[in-house]
């Protein structure tokens, strides 16, 4: 049984026919839509490597059935940059050594973007670590990740106010 859905993916409306209504968003992104930036880590919702933004909220793509997304807006790591201009969170991760092997980095970045948008990041390292606790880094780059979220939060707030960052 096939099912048709329409969703906005990284700013582009996509009409998709699902041959299997049990396919997850993660598998749809990686296997059908050629968007490999969203990583398959545990495939159980425990590591956060597959974090995307679903209607602006952080979501584990491995736990989300694609069939439930008709009319939804999904943003993946591939949709963050504006052309060659990186998103402020991506820039902060690069500048603050917020990654080592890089496997978890797309999920970490997407979670950080969501955390900042939720207004829950702030500048307190403990608060940031708690807010990012659904994302595991096996290389333990947590110090750099926390600094990156702090820096991105400051820059984005300054940009919103119209200040020079």
N, C-alpha and C. Protein backbone atom coordinates (compact mmCIF):
# COMPACT_ATOMS: atom_id res chain seq x y z
N UNK A 1 0.84 -1.18 0.00
CA UNK A 1 0.00 0.00 0.00
C UNK A 1 0.89 1.24 0.00
N UNK A 2 0.70 2.11 -0.95
CA UNK A 2 1.49 3.34 -0.99
C UNK A 2 0.68 4.50 -0.42
N UNK A 3 1.42 5.51 0.01
CA UNK A 3 0.82 6.67 0.66
C UNK A 3 1.56 7.90 0.16
N UNK A 4 0.82 8.95 -0.16
CA UNK A 4 1.42 10.20 -0.62
C UNK A 4 1.40 11.23 0.49
N UNK A 5 2.53 11.92 0.65
CA UNK A 5 2.62 13.02 1.60
C UNK A 5 3.25 14.21 0.90
N UNK A 6 3.01 15.38 1.45
CA UNK A 6 3.64 16.60 0.97
C UNK A 6 4.24 17.28 2.20
N UNK A 7 5.51 17.61 2.12
CA UNK A 7 6.16 18.30 3.23
C UNK A 7 7.13 19.34 2.69
N UNK A 8 7.43 20.29 3.53
CA UNK A 8 8.42 21.30 3.18
C UNK A 8 9.74 20.84 3.78
N UNK A 9 10.68 20.55 2.92
CA UNK A 9 11.98 20.03 3.34
C UNK A 9 13.06 21.03 2.98
N UNK A 10 13.68 21.60 4.00
CA UNK A 10 14.73 22.61 3.80
C UNK A 10 14.25 23.73 2.89
N UNK A 11 13.00 24.14 3.10
CA UNK A 11 12.45 25.28 2.38
C UNK A 11 11.81 24.96 1.04
N UNK A 12 11.82 23.69 0.63
CA UNK A 12 11.27 23.29 -0.66
C UNK A 12 10.12 22.31 -0.43
N UNK A 13 8.97 22.59 -1.05
CA UNK A 13 7.83 21.67 -0.93
C UNK A 13 8.14 20.42 -1.74
N UNK A 14 8.01 19.27 -1.09
CA UNK A 14 8.28 17.99 -1.74
C UNK A 14 7.05 17.11 -1.64
N UNK A 15 6.62 16.55 -2.76
CA UNK A 15 5.55 15.56 -2.79
C UNK A 15 6.22 14.20 -2.88
N UNK A 16 5.91 13.33 -1.94
CA UNK A 16 6.62 12.06 -1.82
C UNK A 16 5.61 10.92 -1.74
N UNK A 17 5.88 9.87 -2.49
CA UNK A 17 5.08 8.65 -2.41
C UNK A 17 5.85 7.66 -1.56
N UNK A 18 5.23 7.21 -0.50
CA UNK A 18 5.85 6.22 0.38
C UNK A 18 5.33 4.85 0.01
N UNK A 19 6.22 3.97 -0.41
CA UNK A 19 5.81 2.60 -0.75
C UNK A 19 5.51 1.79 0.50
N UNK A 20 6.15 2.16 1.59
CA UNK A 20 5.96 1.47 2.87
C UNK A 20 5.60 2.52 3.92
N UNK A 21 4.39 2.48 4.47
CA UNK A 21 4.00 3.49 5.46
C UNK A 21 4.78 3.41 6.78
N UNK A 22 5.62 2.39 6.93
CA UNK A 22 6.41 2.23 8.16
C UNK A 22 7.79 2.87 8.07
N UNK A 23 8.13 3.50 6.93
CA UNK A 23 9.46 4.09 6.78
C UNK A 23 9.61 5.28 7.72
N UNK A 24 10.78 5.37 8.33
CA UNK A 24 11.04 6.49 9.23
C UNK A 24 11.51 7.70 8.44
N UNK A 25 11.42 8.86 9.05
CA UNK A 25 11.94 10.07 8.43
C UNK A 25 13.43 9.91 8.16
N UNK A 26 14.17 9.31 9.07
CA UNK A 26 15.61 9.11 8.90
C UNK A 26 15.90 8.31 7.63
N UNK A 27 15.22 7.20 7.45
CA UNK A 27 15.47 6.38 6.26
C UNK A 27 15.01 7.09 4.99
N UNK A 28 13.91 7.83 5.07
CA UNK A 28 13.45 8.60 3.92
C UNK A 28 14.51 9.62 3.51
N UNK A 29 15.04 10.35 4.47
CA UNK A 29 16.05 11.37 4.18
C UNK A 29 17.30 10.77 3.56
N UNK A 30 17.82 9.74 4.19
CA UNK A 30 19.10 9.17 3.76
C UNK A 30 18.99 8.33 2.50
N UNK A 31 17.98 7.47 2.45
CA UNK A 31 17.91 6.48 1.38
C UNK A 31 17.14 6.94 0.14
N UNK A 32 16.13 7.76 0.33
CA UNK A 32 15.30 8.17 -0.81
C UNK A 32 15.58 9.58 -1.28
N UNK A 33 15.93 10.47 -0.36
CA UNK A 33 16.05 11.88 -0.72
C UNK A 33 17.49 12.37 -0.80
N UNK A 34 18.44 11.47 -0.68
CA UNK A 34 19.87 11.78 -0.83
C UNK A 34 20.34 12.90 0.09
N UNK A 35 19.89 12.85 1.34
CA UNK A 35 20.32 13.82 2.36
C UNK A 35 21.00 13.03 3.48
N UNK A 36 22.28 12.70 3.29
CA UNK A 36 22.97 11.84 4.25
C UNK A 36 23.51 12.55 5.49
N UNK A 37 23.30 13.85 5.61
CA UNK A 37 23.83 14.58 6.77
C UNK A 37 23.21 14.13 8.07
N UNK A 38 21.95 13.74 8.05
CA UNK A 38 21.28 13.23 9.24
C UNK A 38 21.79 11.81 9.45
N UNK A 39 22.44 11.56 10.57
CA UNK A 39 23.14 10.30 10.79
C UNK A 39 22.28 9.26 11.50
N UNK A 40 22.52 8.00 11.15
CA UNK A 40 21.89 6.88 11.84
C UNK A 40 22.90 6.39 12.87
N UNK A 41 22.61 6.68 14.12
CA UNK A 41 23.49 6.26 15.20
C UNK A 41 22.96 4.99 15.82
N UNK A 42 22.09 5.13 16.80
CA UNK A 42 21.55 3.98 17.52
C UNK A 42 20.28 3.43 16.87
N UNK A 43 19.56 4.25 16.11
CA UNK A 43 18.28 3.89 15.50
C UNK A 43 17.22 3.55 16.55
N UNK A 44 17.39 4.11 17.76
CA UNK A 44 16.46 3.86 18.88
C UNK A 44 16.09 5.13 19.63
N UNK A 45 16.51 6.29 19.13
CA UNK A 45 16.18 7.55 19.79
C UNK A 45 16.99 7.85 21.02
N UNK A 46 18.14 7.20 21.18
CA UNK A 46 18.93 7.38 22.38
C UNK A 46 20.16 8.24 22.21
N UNK A 47 20.65 8.43 20.97
CA UNK A 47 21.94 9.11 20.80
C UNK A 47 21.82 10.52 20.22
N UNK A 48 20.74 10.85 19.52
CA UNK A 48 20.55 12.18 18.98
C UNK A 48 21.26 12.46 17.67
N UNK A 49 21.97 11.48 17.09
CA UNK A 49 22.68 11.71 15.84
C UNK A 49 21.74 12.07 14.70
N UNK A 50 20.48 11.67 14.82
CA UNK A 50 19.50 11.89 13.75
C UNK A 50 18.61 13.11 14.00
N UNK A 51 19.00 13.99 14.91
CA UNK A 51 18.17 15.14 15.25
C UNK A 51 17.96 16.06 14.05
N UNK A 52 16.70 16.39 13.80
CA UNK A 52 16.29 17.36 12.78
C UNK A 52 15.31 18.31 13.45
N UNK A 53 14.93 19.36 12.75
CA UNK A 53 13.88 20.24 13.25
C UNK A 53 12.60 19.90 12.51
N UNK A 54 11.57 19.57 13.27
CA UNK A 54 10.26 19.26 12.72
C UNK A 54 9.31 20.35 13.21
N UNK A 55 8.84 21.16 12.25
CA UNK A 55 8.01 22.33 12.60
C UNK A 55 8.71 23.19 13.64
N UNK A 56 10.04 23.31 13.49
CA UNK A 56 10.83 24.16 14.37
C UNK A 56 11.26 23.54 15.68
N UNK A 57 10.84 22.32 15.96
CA UNK A 57 11.17 21.66 17.23
C UNK A 57 12.13 20.51 16.98
N UNK A 58 13.00 20.26 17.93
CA UNK A 58 13.95 19.15 17.81
C UNK A 58 13.21 17.81 17.83
N UNK A 59 13.64 16.91 16.94
CA UNK A 59 12.98 15.62 16.84
C UNK A 59 14.00 14.58 16.39
N UNK A 60 13.90 13.38 16.92
CA UNK A 60 14.73 12.27 16.46
C UNK A 60 14.08 11.69 15.21
N UNK A 61 14.75 11.79 14.10
CA UNK A 61 14.20 11.31 12.83
C UNK A 61 14.03 9.80 12.81
N UNK A 62 14.81 9.08 13.62
CA UNK A 62 14.71 7.62 13.62
C UNK A 62 13.42 7.14 14.29
N UNK A 63 12.79 7.99 15.07
CA UNK A 63 11.55 7.61 15.77
C UNK A 63 10.30 8.19 15.14
N UNK A 64 10.47 8.92 14.05
CA UNK A 64 9.37 9.64 13.43
C UNK A 64 8.97 8.94 12.13
N UNK A 65 7.73 8.49 12.05
CA UNK A 65 7.25 7.87 10.82
C UNK A 65 7.00 8.95 9.78
N UNK A 66 7.54 8.75 8.60
CA UNK A 66 7.38 9.72 7.52
C UNK A 66 5.90 9.91 7.18
N UNK A 67 5.11 8.87 7.33
CA UNK A 67 3.68 8.94 6.98
C UNK A 67 2.93 9.96 7.83
N UNK A 68 3.48 10.33 8.98
CA UNK A 68 2.81 11.29 9.87
C UNK A 68 3.15 12.74 9.54
N UNK A 69 3.94 12.96 8.51
CA UNK A 69 4.50 14.29 8.25
C UNK A 69 3.81 15.07 7.15
N UNK A 70 2.66 14.65 6.70
CA UNK A 70 1.96 15.39 5.65
C UNK A 70 1.70 16.81 6.13
N UNK A 71 2.19 17.79 5.38
CA UNK A 71 2.02 19.21 5.73
C UNK A 71 3.07 19.75 6.68
N UNK A 72 4.01 18.92 7.11
CA UNK A 72 5.03 19.34 8.07
C UNK A 72 6.17 20.10 7.39
N UNK A 73 6.95 20.77 8.22
CA UNK A 73 8.16 21.45 7.78
C UNK A 73 9.34 20.77 8.47
N UNK A 74 10.29 20.29 7.68
CA UNK A 74 11.45 19.60 8.20
C UNK A 74 12.71 20.35 7.76
N UNK A 75 13.61 20.59 8.72
CA UNK A 75 14.90 21.18 8.41
C UNK A 75 15.97 20.21 8.84
N UNK A 76 16.88 19.91 7.91
CA UNK A 76 18.02 19.04 8.21
C UNK A 76 19.28 19.89 8.20
N UNK A 77 20.40 19.27 8.53
CA UNK A 77 21.68 19.98 8.53
C UNK A 77 21.97 20.59 7.16
N UNK A 78 21.51 19.93 6.09
CA UNK A 78 21.75 20.45 4.76
C UNK A 78 20.98 21.74 4.50
N UNK A 79 19.95 22.02 5.28
CA UNK A 79 19.13 23.20 5.08
C UNK A 79 19.48 24.39 5.95
N UNK A 80 20.53 24.28 6.76
CA UNK A 80 20.87 25.39 7.67
C UNK A 80 21.61 26.53 7.01
N UNK A 81 22.61 26.22 6.24
CA UNK A 81 23.43 27.27 5.61
C UNK A 81 22.60 28.04 4.59
N UNK A 82 22.97 29.28 4.38
CA UNK A 82 22.34 30.12 3.37
C UNK A 82 23.35 30.28 2.24
N UNK A 83 23.29 29.36 1.28
CA UNK A 83 24.31 29.34 0.23
C UNK A 83 25.65 28.96 0.84
N UNK A 84 26.65 29.83 0.63
CA UNK A 84 27.98 29.58 1.20
C UNK A 84 28.12 30.11 2.63
N UNK A 85 27.12 30.84 3.10
CA UNK A 85 27.17 31.42 4.45
C UNK A 85 26.64 30.40 5.46
N UNK A 86 27.53 29.96 6.33
CA UNK A 86 27.12 28.99 7.35
C UNK A 86 26.17 29.62 8.36
N UNK A 87 25.34 28.79 8.96
CA UNK A 87 24.48 29.21 10.06
C UNK A 87 25.40 29.58 11.24
N UNK A 88 25.03 30.53 12.08
CA UNK A 88 25.88 30.91 13.22
C UNK A 88 26.26 29.74 14.12
N UNK A 89 25.39 28.75 14.26
CA UNK A 89 25.73 27.59 15.09
C UNK A 89 26.82 26.77 14.41
N UNK A 90 26.74 26.61 13.10
CA UNK A 90 27.78 25.88 12.38
C UNK A 90 29.13 26.59 12.52
N UNK A 91 29.13 27.90 12.37
CA UNK A 91 30.36 28.68 12.52
C UNK A 91 30.92 28.53 13.92
N UNK A 92 30.06 28.61 14.93
CA UNK A 92 30.52 28.49 16.32
C UNK A 92 31.10 27.10 16.60
N UNK A 93 30.52 26.07 16.02
CA UNK A 93 31.07 24.72 16.21
C UNK A 93 32.48 24.63 15.61
N UNK A 94 32.67 25.22 14.45
CA UNK A 94 34.00 25.21 13.83
C UNK A 94 35.01 25.99 14.67
N UNK A 95 34.63 27.16 15.13
CA UNK A 95 35.55 28.04 15.86
C UNK A 95 35.85 27.56 17.27
N UNK A 96 34.97 26.75 17.85
CA UNK A 96 35.14 26.32 19.24
C UNK A 96 35.44 24.83 19.38
N UNK A 97 35.88 24.21 18.30
CA UNK A 97 36.20 22.78 18.33
C UNK A 97 35.06 21.97 18.94
N UNK A 98 33.88 22.18 18.41
CA UNK A 98 32.70 21.49 18.90
C UNK A 98 32.51 20.10 18.32
N UNK A 99 33.57 19.53 17.79
CA UNK A 99 33.48 18.17 17.25
C UNK A 99 34.87 17.56 17.19
N UNK A 100 34.91 16.25 17.13
CA UNK A 100 36.18 15.55 16.89
C UNK A 100 36.01 14.66 15.67
N UNK A 101 35.39 13.50 15.83
CA UNK A 101 35.23 12.64 14.65
C UNK A 101 34.17 13.19 13.71
N UNK A 102 33.21 13.93 14.24
CA UNK A 102 32.19 14.59 13.43
C UNK A 102 30.92 13.80 13.20
N UNK A 103 30.86 12.55 13.61
CA UNK A 103 29.68 11.75 13.32
C UNK A 103 28.42 12.31 13.98
N UNK A 104 28.54 12.74 15.22
CA UNK A 104 27.38 13.26 15.94
C UNK A 104 27.11 14.73 15.63
N UNK A 105 28.05 15.39 14.95
CA UNK A 105 27.99 16.83 14.78
C UNK A 105 26.70 17.34 14.12
N UNK A 106 26.20 16.74 13.06
CA UNK A 106 24.94 17.25 12.49
C UNK A 106 23.80 17.25 13.51
N UNK A 107 23.68 16.17 14.26
CA UNK A 107 22.63 16.11 15.28
C UNK A 107 22.86 17.10 16.40
N UNK A 108 24.13 17.27 16.79
CA UNK A 108 24.47 18.24 17.84
C UNK A 108 24.11 19.65 17.37
N UNK A 109 24.46 19.98 16.14
CA UNK A 109 24.18 21.31 15.61
C UNK A 109 22.67 21.54 15.52
N UNK A 110 21.94 20.56 15.01
CA UNK A 110 20.48 20.73 14.89
C UNK A 110 19.85 20.88 16.27
N UNK A 111 20.33 20.12 17.24
CA UNK A 111 19.81 20.25 18.60
C UNK A 111 20.14 21.62 19.18
N UNK A 112 21.34 22.12 18.93
CA UNK A 112 21.74 23.44 19.41
C UNK A 112 20.87 24.53 18.78
N UNK A 113 20.61 24.42 17.49
CA UNK A 113 19.73 25.40 16.81
C UNK A 113 18.36 25.39 17.47
N UNK A 114 17.82 24.20 17.72
CA UNK A 114 16.52 24.09 18.37
C UNK A 114 16.53 24.64 19.78
N UNK A 115 17.57 24.31 20.54
CA UNK A 115 17.68 24.78 21.93
C UNK A 115 17.71 26.31 21.98
N UNK A 116 18.49 26.92 21.10
CA UNK A 116 18.57 28.38 21.05
C UNK A 116 17.22 28.97 20.66
N UNK A 117 16.59 28.39 19.65
CA UNK A 117 15.29 28.89 19.20
C UNK A 117 14.22 28.78 20.29
N UNK A 118 14.34 27.76 21.12
CA UNK A 118 13.40 27.57 22.23
C UNK A 118 13.66 28.58 23.35
N UNK A 119 14.79 29.29 23.28
CA UNK A 119 15.14 30.24 24.33
C UNK A 119 15.66 29.55 25.58
N UNK A 120 16.12 28.32 25.44
CA UNK A 120 16.55 27.54 26.60
C UNK A 120 18.06 27.41 26.71
N UNK A 121 18.82 28.04 25.81
CA UNK A 121 20.27 27.86 25.84
C UNK A 121 20.92 28.75 26.90
N UNK A 122 20.70 30.04 26.81
CA UNK A 122 21.32 30.96 27.75
C UNK A 122 22.83 30.89 27.68
N UNK A 123 23.48 31.30 28.76
CA UNK A 123 24.94 31.32 28.81
C UNK A 123 25.50 30.36 29.86
N UNK A 124 24.61 29.78 30.67
CA UNK A 124 25.03 28.88 31.75
C UNK A 124 25.41 27.52 31.18
N UNK A 125 26.67 27.11 31.35
CA UNK A 125 27.12 25.83 30.79
C UNK A 125 26.28 24.64 31.26
N UNK A 126 25.90 24.64 32.51
CA UNK A 126 25.09 23.52 33.04
C UNK A 126 23.73 23.46 32.35
N UNK A 127 23.15 24.60 32.14
CA UNK A 127 21.85 24.66 31.46
C UNK A 127 21.97 24.18 30.01
N UNK A 128 23.06 24.55 29.36
CA UNK A 128 23.29 24.10 27.98
C UNK A 128 23.50 22.59 27.96
N UNK A 129 24.32 22.08 28.86
CA UNK A 129 24.56 20.63 28.89
C UNK A 129 23.26 19.87 29.13
N UNK A 130 22.43 20.37 30.01
CA UNK A 130 21.13 19.72 30.27
C UNK A 130 20.26 19.77 29.02
N UNK A 131 20.22 20.91 28.35
CA UNK A 131 19.41 21.06 27.15
C UNK A 131 19.89 20.21 25.99
N UNK A 132 21.17 19.90 25.98
CA UNK A 132 21.77 19.09 24.91
C UNK A 132 21.93 17.63 25.32
N UNK A 133 21.39 17.25 26.46
CA UNK A 133 21.65 15.92 27.01
C UNK A 133 21.12 14.77 26.15
N UNK A 134 20.23 15.03 25.23
CA UNK A 134 19.74 13.99 24.33
C UNK A 134 20.68 13.67 23.19
N UNK A 135 21.81 14.36 23.14
CA UNK A 135 22.79 14.15 22.07
C UNK A 135 24.09 13.65 22.67
N UNK A 136 24.49 12.47 22.25
CA UNK A 136 25.70 11.84 22.77
C UNK A 136 26.86 12.06 21.82
N UNK A 137 28.02 12.40 22.40
CA UNK A 137 29.26 12.51 21.63
C UNK A 137 30.21 11.47 22.19
N UNK A 138 30.48 10.45 21.41
CA UNK A 138 31.36 9.38 21.88
C UNK A 138 32.81 9.83 22.02
N UNK A 139 33.17 10.91 21.35
CA UNK A 139 34.53 11.46 21.46
C UNK A 139 34.66 12.40 22.67
N UNK A 140 33.55 12.71 23.30
CA UNK A 140 33.52 13.57 24.48
C UNK A 140 33.97 14.99 24.20
N UNK A 141 33.49 15.57 23.10
CA UNK A 141 33.81 16.96 22.75
C UNK A 141 32.84 17.93 23.43
N UNK A 142 32.31 17.56 24.56
CA UNK A 142 31.27 18.34 25.22
C UNK A 142 31.70 19.76 25.59
N UNK A 143 32.94 19.93 25.98
CA UNK A 143 33.41 21.28 26.35
C UNK A 143 33.32 22.22 25.14
N UNK A 144 33.80 21.77 24.00
CA UNK A 144 33.73 22.57 22.78
C UNK A 144 32.29 22.79 22.32
N UNK A 145 31.46 21.77 22.47
CA UNK A 145 30.04 21.89 22.10
C UNK A 145 29.38 22.96 22.96
N UNK A 146 29.63 22.90 24.26
CA UNK A 146 29.03 23.88 25.18
C UNK A 146 29.49 25.29 24.84
N UNK A 147 30.79 25.47 24.60
CA UNK A 147 31.30 26.79 24.21
C UNK A 147 30.68 27.26 22.90
N UNK A 148 30.51 26.34 21.96
CA UNK A 148 29.92 26.69 20.66
C UNK A 148 28.48 27.17 20.84
N UNK A 149 27.72 26.49 21.69
CA UNK A 149 26.33 26.90 21.91
C UNK A 149 26.29 28.27 22.60
N UNK A 150 27.18 28.49 23.55
CA UNK A 150 27.26 29.80 24.21
C UNK A 150 27.55 30.89 23.19
N UNK A 151 28.56 30.66 22.36
CA UNK A 151 28.97 31.66 21.38
C UNK A 151 27.86 31.92 20.36
N UNK A 152 27.25 30.87 19.86
CA UNK A 152 26.17 31.03 18.87
C UNK A 152 25.00 31.77 19.49
N UNK A 153 24.68 31.48 20.73
CA UNK A 153 23.57 32.16 21.42
C UNK A 153 23.85 33.66 21.50
N UNK A 154 25.08 34.01 21.88
CA UNK A 154 25.45 35.43 21.97
C UNK A 154 25.37 36.11 20.61
N UNK A 155 25.94 35.46 19.60
CA UNK A 155 25.94 36.06 18.26
C UNK A 155 24.53 36.23 17.70
N UNK A 156 23.71 35.23 17.89
CA UNK A 156 22.35 35.29 17.34
C UNK A 156 21.53 36.35 18.08
N UNK A 157 21.74 36.49 19.39
CA UNK A 157 21.03 37.52 20.15
C UNK A 157 21.49 38.90 19.71
N UNK A 158 22.80 39.07 19.49
CA UNK A 158 23.33 40.35 19.03
C UNK A 158 22.78 40.69 17.64
N UNK A 159 22.73 39.70 16.77
CA UNK A 159 22.20 39.93 15.42
C UNK A 159 20.73 40.31 15.47
N UNK A 160 19.98 39.69 16.37
CA UNK A 160 18.57 39.99 16.52
C UNK A 160 18.36 41.42 17.01
N UNK A 161 19.27 41.87 17.89
CA UNK A 161 19.19 43.25 18.41
C UNK A 161 19.73 44.25 17.40
N UNK A 162 20.46 43.75 16.40
CA UNK A 162 21.08 44.65 15.42
C UNK A 162 22.46 45.12 15.83
N UNK A 163 23.03 44.48 16.87
CA UNK A 163 24.39 44.81 17.31
C UNK A 163 25.40 44.14 16.41
N UNK A 164 26.61 44.64 16.44
CA UNK A 164 27.73 43.95 15.76
C UNK A 164 28.17 42.81 16.67
N UNK A 165 28.33 41.64 16.10
CA UNK A 165 28.69 40.46 16.90
C UNK A 165 30.13 40.46 17.33
